[in-house]
Every structure is written in C-alpha cells, then in structure tokens.
Amino acid sequence: MKLLKYPLDELDLEFILEIQNRLKQHFGDRASIILLNSGLLERMIEDPNYVYHYDEAYWVERIKNNYESKQNTVS
C-alpha cells in the first residue's frame, strides 16, 4: 500500500493519528502495524462517508476486537 497515492487530507490524518494513539494504549509499539493491517486506511479511501459515520472510539474497539479475535484463532 502506497499512502502517497491516496488523497488523504489533514483531517484524515488527524483522525488516523487519534486512532493510532488510542491503539498504542492497548498494543504499544505494535499499534502502527495493527492499524495498517486493519484495512481501515483502504476503507477510508474507498468509502470515507462510512468511516466518518463512526467516531475514533468505535474504530479503536473494532480494530482491537478484530485483532484479538484473529490472535485467538491462531493460537
């Protein structure tokens, strides 16, 4: 994924960074990788109205739950 080709603006980046900062509280240094692998950035490009329909707290919980669910199925 090459973020430079996507039309993200300053507000998008603030939204993403807030989610990343909240994920850091749960996952520490792994937060960035977990966020990148979550599919949220691709969804933001494809359907920003859907993403912005929910707040940062929703996305943090969704990403956290999906990640933990995947980890539980692997172990």
PDB file of N, CA and C in Angstrom:
ATOM      1  N   MET A   1       0.845  -1.177   0.000  1.00  0.00           N
ATOM      2  CA  MET A   1       0.000   0.000   0.000  1.00  0.00           C
ATOM      3  C   MET A   1       0.884   1.231   0.000  1.00  0.00           C
ATOM      4  N   LYS A   2       0.692   2.094  -0.961  1.00  0.00           N
ATOM      5  CA  LYS A   2       1.442   3.343  -1.043  1.00  0.00           C
ATOM      6  C   LYS A   2       0.517   4.486  -0.662  1.00  0.00           C
ATOM      7  N   LEU A   3       0.691   4.993   0.544  1.00  0.00           N
ATOM      8  CA  LEU A   3      -0.202   6.039   1.029  1.00  0.00           C
ATOM      9  C   LEU A   3      -0.077   7.329   0.238  1.00  0.00           C
ATOM     10  N   LEU A   4       1.071   7.568  -0.378  1.00  0.00           N
ATOM     11  CA  LEU A   4       1.262   8.821  -1.095  1.00  0.00           C
ATOM     12  C   LEU A   4       0.314   8.974  -2.277  1.00  0.00           C
ATOM     13  N   LYS A   5      -0.162   7.887  -2.828  1.00  0.00           N
ATOM     14  CA  LYS A   5      -1.056   7.998  -3.976  1.00  0.00           C
ATOM     15  C   LYS A   5      -2.514   8.204  -3.560  1.00  0.00           C
ATOM     16  N   TYR A   6      -2.796   8.086  -2.283  1.00  0.00           N
ATOM     17  CA  TYR A   6      -4.163   8.254  -1.800  1.00  0.00           C
ATOM     18  C   TYR A   6      -4.430   9.707  -1.425  1.00  0.00           C
ATOM     19  N   PRO A   7      -5.629  10.171  -1.675  1.00  0.00           N
ATOM     20  CA  PRO A   7      -5.965  11.580  -1.427  1.00  0.00           C
ATOM     21  C   PRO A   7      -6.377  11.859   0.022  1.00  0.00           C
ATOM     22  N   LEU A   8      -5.482  11.616   0.960  1.00  0.00           N
ATOM     23  CA  LEU A   8      -5.784  11.912   2.357  1.00  0.00           C
ATOM     24  C   LEU A   8      -5.443  13.361   2.650  1.00  0.00           C
ATOM     25  N   ASP A   9      -6.324  14.023   3.376  1.00  0.00           N
ATOM     26  CA  ASP A   9      -6.035  15.405   3.737  1.00  0.00           C
ATOM     27  C   ASP A   9      -5.679  15.488   5.226  1.00  0.00           C
ATOM     28  N   GLU A  10      -5.499  16.700   5.711  1.00  0.00           N
ATOM     29  CA  GLU A  10      -5.058  16.904   7.090  1.00  0.00           C
ATOM     30  C   GLU A  10      -6.056  16.337   8.105  1.00  0.00           C
ATOM     31  N   LEU A  11      -7.336  16.501   7.857  1.00  0.00           N
ATOM     32  CA  LEU A  11      -8.342  15.970   8.778  1.00  0.00           C
ATOM     33  C   LEU A  11      -8.329  14.444   8.812  1.00  0.00           C
ATOM     34  N   ASP A  12      -8.113  13.825   7.653  1.00  0.00           N
ATOM     35  CA  ASP A  12      -7.992  12.367   7.609  1.00  0.00           C
ATOM     36  C   ASP A  12      -6.816  11.912   8.461  1.00  0.00           C
ATOM     37  N   LEU A  13      -5.697  12.594   8.314  1.00  0.00           N
ATOM     38  CA  LEU A  13      -4.503  12.216   9.066  1.00  0.00           C
ATOM     39  C   LEU A  13      -4.701  12.405  10.565  1.00  0.00           C
ATOM     40  N   GLU A  14      -5.379  13.470  10.964  1.00  0.00           N
ATOM     41  CA  GLU A  14      -5.677  13.672  12.389  1.00  0.00           C
ATOM     42  C   GLU A  14      -6.554  12.543  12.922  1.00  0.00           C
ATOM     43  N   PHE A  15      -7.537  12.148  12.149  1.00  0.00           N
ATOM     44  CA  PHE A  15      -8.432  11.055  12.525  1.00  0.00           C
ATOM     45  C   PHE A  15      -7.637   9.760  12.697  1.00  0.00           C
ATOM     46  N   ILE A  16      -6.785   9.459  11.734  1.00  0.00           N
ATOM     47  CA  ILE A  16      -5.969   8.244  11.768  1.00  0.00           C
ATOM     48  C   ILE A  16      -4.999   8.274  12.944  1.00  0.00           C
ATOM     49  N   LEU A  17      -4.347   9.404  13.169  1.00  0.00           N
ATOM     50  CA  LEU A  17      -3.389   9.506  14.274  1.00  0.00           C
ATOM     51  C   LEU A  17      -4.067   9.365  15.630  1.00  0.00           C
ATOM     52  N   GLU A  18      -5.273   9.871  15.760  1.00  0.00           N
ATOM     53  CA  GLU A  18      -6.007   9.701  17.020  1.00  0.00           C
ATOM     54  C   GLU A  18      -6.305   8.227  17.266  1.00  0.00           C
ATOM     55  N   ILE A  19      -6.708   7.523  16.240  1.00  0.00           N
ATOM     56  CA  ILE A  19      -6.953   6.084  16.367  1.00  0.00           C
ATOM     57  C   ILE A  19      -5.658   5.369  16.720  1.00  0.00           C
ATOM     58  N   GLN A  20      -4.577   5.719  16.053  1.00  0.00           N
ATOM     59  CA  GLN A  20      -3.287   5.096  16.330  1.00  0.00           C
ATOM     60  C   GLN A  20      -2.857   5.354  17.775  1.00  0.00           C
ATOM     61  N   ASN A  21      -3.011   6.571  18.253  1.00  0.00           N
ATOM     62  CA  ASN A  21      -2.626   6.889  19.630  1.00  0.00           C
ATOM     63  C   ASN A  21      -3.442   6.092  20.639  1.00  0.00           C
ATOM     64  N   ARG A  22      -4.715   5.925  20.366  1.00  0.00           N
ATOM     65  CA  ARG A  22      -5.553   5.130  21.272  1.00  0.00           C
ATOM     66  C   ARG A  22      -5.188   3.648  21.208  1.00  0.00           C
ATOM     67  N   LEU A  23      -4.831   3.170  20.024  1.00  0.00           N
ATOM     68  CA  LEU A  23      -4.397   1.775  19.903  1.00  0.00           C
ATOM     69  C   LEU A  23      -3.089   1.539  20.645  1.00  0.00           C
ATOM     70  N   LYS A  24      -2.235   2.552  20.704  1.00  0.00           N
ATOM     71  CA  LYS A  24      -0.971   2.425  21.439  1.00  0.00           C
ATOM     72  C   LYS A  24      -1.202   2.129  22.910  1.00  0.00           C
ATOM     73  N   GLN A  25      -2.300   2.610  23.461  1.00  0.00           N
ATOM     74  CA  GLN A  25      -2.617   2.331  24.863  1.00  0.00           C
ATOM     75  C   GLN A  25      -2.841   0.839  25.085  1.00  0.00           C
ATOM     76  N   HIS A  26      -3.308   0.143  24.075  1.00  0.00           N
ATOM     77  CA  HIS A  26      -3.576  -1.293  24.177  1.00  0.00           C
ATOM     78  C   HIS A  26      -2.415  -2.144  23.676  1.00  0.00           C
ATOM     79  N   PHE A  27      -1.770  -1.695  22.601  1.00  0.00           N
ATOM     80  CA  PHE A  27      -0.809  -2.548  21.906  1.00  0.00           C
ATOM     81  C   PHE A  27       0.619  -2.024  21.888  1.00  0.00           C
ATOM     82  N   GLY A  28       0.856  -0.855  22.438  1.00  0.00           N
ATOM     83  CA  GLY A  28       2.206  -0.303  22.459  1.00  0.00           C
ATOM     84  C   GLY A  28       2.745  -0.067  21.058  1.00  0.00           C
ATOM     85  N   ASP A  29       3.989  -0.477  20.845  1.00  0.00           N
ATOM     86  CA  ASP A  29       4.669  -0.229  19.572  1.00  0.00           C
ATOM     87  C   ASP A  29       4.046  -0.973  18.390  1.00  0.00           C
ATOM     88  N   ARG A  30       3.242  -1.979  18.656  1.00  0.00           N
ATOM     89  CA  ARG A  30       2.599  -2.742  17.573  1.00  0.00           C
ATOM     90  C   ARG A  30       1.405  -2.011  16.964  1.00  0.00           C
ATOM     91  N   ALA A  31       0.982  -0.908  17.581  1.00  0.00           N
ATOM     92  CA  ALA A  31      -0.233  -0.205  17.151  1.00  0.00           C
ATOM     93  C   ALA A  31      -0.189   0.208  15.686  1.00  0.00           C
ATOM     94  N   SER A  32       0.938   0.709  15.227  1.00  0.00           N
ATOM     95  CA  SER A  32       1.032   1.167  13.835  1.00  0.00           C
ATOM     96  C   SER A  32       0.817   0.023  12.852  1.00  0.00           C
ATOM     97  N   ILE A  33       1.448  -1.104  13.117  1.00  0.00           N
ATOM     98  CA  ILE A  33       1.315  -2.266  12.231  1.00  0.00           C
ATOM     99  C   ILE A  33      -0.115  -2.801  12.271  1.00  0.00           C
ATOM    100  N   ILE A  34      -0.684  -2.854  13.458  1.00  0.00           N
ATOM    101  CA  ILE A  34      -2.056  -3.340  13.597  1.00  0.00           C
ATOM    102  C   ILE A  34      -3.009  -2.433  12.831  1.00  0.00           C
ATOM    103  N   LEU A  35      -2.810  -1.132  12.931  1.00  0.00           N
ATOM    104  CA  LEU A  35      -3.648  -0.182  12.194  1.00  0.00           C
ATOM    105  C   LEU A  35      -3.480  -0.363  10.686  1.00  0.00           C
ATOM    106  N   LEU A  36      -2.250  -0.481  10.226  1.00  0.00           N
ATOM    107  CA  LEU A  36      -2.008  -0.663   8.789  1.00  0.00           C
ATOM    108  C   LEU A  36      -2.634  -1.950   8.259  1.00  0.00           C
ATOM    109  N   ASN A  37      -2.611  -2.997   9.075  1.00  0.00           N
ATOM    110  CA  ASN A  37      -3.160  -4.284   8.654  1.00  0.00           C
ATOM    111  C   ASN A  37      -4.668  -4.396   8.848  1.00  0.00           C
ATOM    112  N   SER A  38      -5.274  -3.406   9.476  1.00  0.00           N
ATOM    113  CA  SER A  38      -6.702  -3.477   9.802  1.00  0.00           C
ATOM    114  C   SER A  38      -7.617  -3.268   8.601  1.00  0.00           C
ATOM    115  N   GLY A  39      -7.112  -2.622   7.565  1.00  0.00           N
ATOM    116  CA  GLY A  39      -7.951  -2.308   6.414  1.00  0.00           C
ATOM    117  C   GLY A  39      -8.666  -0.971   6.523  1.00  0.00           C
ATOM    118  N   LEU A  40      -8.501  -0.281   7.648  1.00  0.00           N
ATOM    119  CA  LEU A  40      -9.192   0.992   7.833  1.00  0.00           C
ATOM    120  C   LEU A  40      -8.754   2.034   6.816  1.00  0.00           C
ATOM    121  N   LEU A  41      -7.475   2.090   6.513  1.00  0.00           N
ATOM    122  CA  LEU A  41      -6.996   3.108   5.573  1.00  0.00           C
ATOM    123  C   LEU A  41      -7.567   2.884   4.180  1.00  0.00           C
ATOM    124  N   GLU A  42      -7.613   1.641   3.758  1.00  0.00           N
ATOM    125  CA  GLU A  42      -8.213   1.331   2.458  1.00  0.00           C
ATOM    126  C   GLU A  42      -9.699   1.679   2.447  1.00  0.00           C
ATOM    127  N   ARG A  43     -10.370   1.364   3.540  1.00  0.00           N
ATOM    128  CA  ARG A  43     -11.798   1.677   3.630  1.00  0.00           C
ATOM    129  C   ARG A  43     -12.023   3.182   3.606  1.00  0.00           C
ATOM    130  N   MET A  44     -11.123   3.931   4.250  1.00  0.00           N
ATOM    131  CA  MET A  44     -11.245   5.392   4.266  1.00  0.00           C
ATOM    132  C   MET A  44     -11.156   5.956   2.850  1.00  0.00           C
ATOM    133  N   ILE A  45     -10.296   5.371   2.039  1.00  0.00           N
ATOM    134  CA  ILE A  45     -10.150   5.821   0.657  1.00  0.00           C
ATOM    135  C   ILE A  45     -11.378   5.433  -0.166  1.00  0.00           C
ATOM    136  N   GLU A  46     -11.841   4.199   0.014  1.00  0.00           N
ATOM    137  CA  GLU A  46     -12.958   3.690  -0.780  1.00  0.00           C
ATOM    138  C   GLU A  46     -14.299   4.300  -0.381  1.00  0.00           C
ATOM    139  N   ASP A  47     -14.492   4.499   0.921  1.00  0.00           N
ATOM    140  CA  ASP A  47     -15.799   4.949   1.402  1.00  0.00           C
ATOM    141  C   ASP A  47     -15.647   5.832   2.643  1.00  0.00           C
ATOM    142  N   PRO A  48     -15.159   7.052   2.462  1.00  0.00           N
ATOM    143  CA  PRO A  48     -14.930   7.928   3.618  1.00  0.00           C
ATOM    144  C   PRO A  48     -16.201   8.240   4.405  1.00  0.00           C
ATOM    145  N   ASN A  49     -17.348   8.281   3.749  1.00  0.00           N
ATOM    146  CA  ASN A  49     -18.593   8.546   4.476  1.00  0.00           C
ATOM    147  C   ASN A  49     -18.884   7.453   5.495  1.00  0.00           C
ATOM    148  N   TYR A  50     -18.607   6.220   5.130  1.00  0.00           N
ATOM    149  CA  TYR A  50     -18.807   5.109   6.062  1.00  0.00           C
ATOM    150  C   TYR A  50     -17.861   5.241   7.242  1.00  0.00           C
ATOM    151  N   VAL A  51     -16.597   5.516   6.975  1.00  0.00           N
ATOM    152  CA  VAL A  51     -15.609   5.632   8.054  1.00  0.00           C
ATOM    153  C   VAL A  51     -15.987   6.762   8.998  1.00  0.00           C
ATOM    154  N   TYR A  52     -16.302   7.916   8.453  1.00  0.00           N
ATOM    155  CA  TYR A  52     -16.607   9.069   9.299  1.00  0.00           C
ATOM    156  C   TYR A  52     -17.994   9.003   9.934  1.00  0.00           C
ATOM    157  N   HIS A  53     -18.784   8.045   9.548  1.00  0.00           N
ATOM    158  CA  HIS A  53     -20.073   7.839  10.205  1.00  0.00           C
ATOM    159  C   HIS A  53     -19.862   7.427  11.662  1.00  0.00           C
ATOM    160  N   TYR A  54     -18.707   6.822  11.953  1.00  0.00           N
ATOM    161  CA  TYR A  54     -18.350   6.365  13.295  1.00  0.00           C
ATOM    162  C   TYR A  54     -17.198   7.205  13.830  1.00  0.00           C
ATOM    163  N   ASP A  55     -17.112   7.309  15.153  1.00  0.00           N
ATOM    164  CA  ASP A  55     -16.028   8.086  15.748  1.00  0.00           C
ATOM    165  C   ASP A  55     -14.787   7.226  15.983  1.00  0.00           C
ATOM    166  N   GLU A  56     -13.742   7.871  16.459  1.00  0.00           N
ATOM    167  CA  GLU A  56     -12.466   7.190  16.675  1.00  0.00           C
ATOM    168  C   GLU A  56     -12.594   6.037  17.667  1.00  0.00           C
ATOM    169  N   ALA A  57     -13.378   6.241  18.727  1.00  0.00           N
ATOM    170  CA  ALA A  57     -13.536   5.195  19.742  1.00  0.00           C
ATOM    171  C   ALA A  57     -14.123   3.918  19.140  1.00  0.00           C
ATOM    172  N   TYR A  58     -15.069   4.070  18.228  1.00  0.00           N
ATOM    173  CA  TYR A  58     -15.652   2.911  17.558  1.00  0.00           C
ATOM    174  C   TYR A  58     -14.582   2.142  16.793  1.00  0.00           C
ATOM    175  N   TRP A  59     -13.783   2.862  16.015  1.00  0.00           N
ATOM    176  CA  TRP A  59     -12.772   2.194  15.193  1.00  0.00           C
ATOM    177  C   TRP A  59     -11.693   1.548  16.045  1.00  0.00           C
ATOM    178  N   VAL A  60     -11.333   2.175  17.149  1.00  0.00           N
ATOM    179  CA  VAL A  60     -10.345   1.565  18.046  1.00  0.00           C
ATOM    180  C   VAL A  60     -10.879   0.233  18.563  1.00  0.00           C
ATOM    181  N   GLU A  61     -12.111   0.217  19.026  1.00  0.00           N
ATOM    182  CA  GLU A  61     -12.694  -1.028  19.532  1.00  0.00           C
ATOM    183  C   GLU A  61     -12.826  -2.071  18.431  1.00  0.00           C
ATOM    184  N   ARG A  62     -13.239  -1.643  17.269  1.00  0.00           N
ATOM    185  CA  ARG A  62     -13.400  -2.582  16.142  1.00  0.00           C
ATOM    186  C   ARG A  62     -12.056  -3.198  15.747  1.00  0.00           C
ATOM    187  N   ILE A  63     -11.033  -2.358  15.615  1.00  0.00           N
ATOM    188  CA  ILE A  63      -9.702  -2.852  15.245  1.00  0.00           C
ATOM    189  C   ILE A  63      -9.156  -3.750  16.348  1.00  0.00           C
ATOM    190  N   LYS A  64      -9.308  -3.327  17.588  1.00  0.00           N
ATOM    191  CA  LYS A  64      -8.828  -4.104  18.736  1.00  0.00           C
ATOM    192  C   LYS A  64      -9.514  -5.468  18.782  1.00  0.00           C
ATOM    193  N   ASN A  65     -10.824  -5.485  18.665  1.00  0.00           N
ATOM    194  CA  ASN A  65     -11.563  -6.752  18.715  1.00  0.00           C
ATOM    195  C   ASN A  65     -11.211  -7.667  17.547  1.00  0.00           C
ATOM    196  N   ASN A  66     -11.092  -7.116  16.348  1.00  0.00           N
ATOM    197  CA  ASN A  66     -10.721  -7.933  15.189  1.00  0.00           C
ATOM    198  C   ASN A  66      -9.328  -8.514  15.343  1.00  0.00           C
ATOM    199  N   TYR A  67      -8.393  -7.700  15.822  1.00  0.00           N
ATOM    200  CA  TYR A  67      -7.024  -8.175  16.009  1.00  0.00           C
ATOM    201  C   TYR A  67      -6.985  -9.290  17.054  1.00  0.00           C
ATOM    202  N   GLU A  68      -7.644  -9.057  18.186  1.00  0.00           N
ATOM    203  CA  GLU A  68      -7.632 -10.064  19.251  1.00  0.00           C
ATOM    204  C   GLU A  68      -8.343 -11.336  18.815  1.00  0.00           C
ATOM    205  N   SER A  69      -9.395 -11.202  18.037  1.00  0.00           N
ATOM    206  CA  SER A  69     -10.099 -12.368  17.523  1.00  0.00           C
ATOM    207  C   SER A  69      -9.195 -13.196  16.610  1.00  0.00           C
ATOM    208  N   LYS A  70      -8.448 -12.519  15.750  1.00  0.00           N
ATOM    209  CA  LYS A  70      -7.514 -13.221  14.866  1.00  0.00           C
ATOM    210  C   LYS A  70      -6.418 -13.905  15.665  1.00  0.00           C
ATOM    211  N   GLN A  71      -5.943 -13.259  16.723  1.00  0.00           N
ATOM    212  CA  GLN A  71      -4.895 -13.843  17.550  1.00  0.00           C
ATOM    213  C   GLN A  71      -5.399 -15.087  18.270  1.00  0.00           C
ATOM    214  N   ASN A  72      -6.648 -15.070  18.701  1.00  0.00           N
ATOM    215  CA  ASN A  72      -7.224 -16.220  19.400  1.00  0.00           C
ATOM    216  C   ASN A  72      -7.438 -17.404  18.470  1.00  0.00           C
ATOM    217  N   THR A  73      -7.720 -17.150  17.200  1.00  0.00           N
ATOM    218  CA  THR A  73      -7.916 -18.256  16.267  1.00  0.00           C
ATOM    219  C   THR A  73      -6.588 -18.858  15.829  1.00  0.00           C
ATOM    220  N   VAL A  74      -5.513 -18.067  15.905  1.00  0.00           N
ATOM    221  CA  VAL A  74      -4.188 -18.564  15.535  1.00  0.00           C
ATOM    222  C   VAL A  74      -3.626 -19.447  16.632  1.00  0.00           C
ATOM    223  N   SER A  75      -3.873 -19.079  17.890  1.00  0.00           N
ATOM    224  CA  SER A  75      -3.287 -19.851  18.995  1.00  0.00           C
ATOM    225  C   SER A  75      -4.101 -21.048  19.377  1.00  0.00           C
TER     226      SER A  75
END
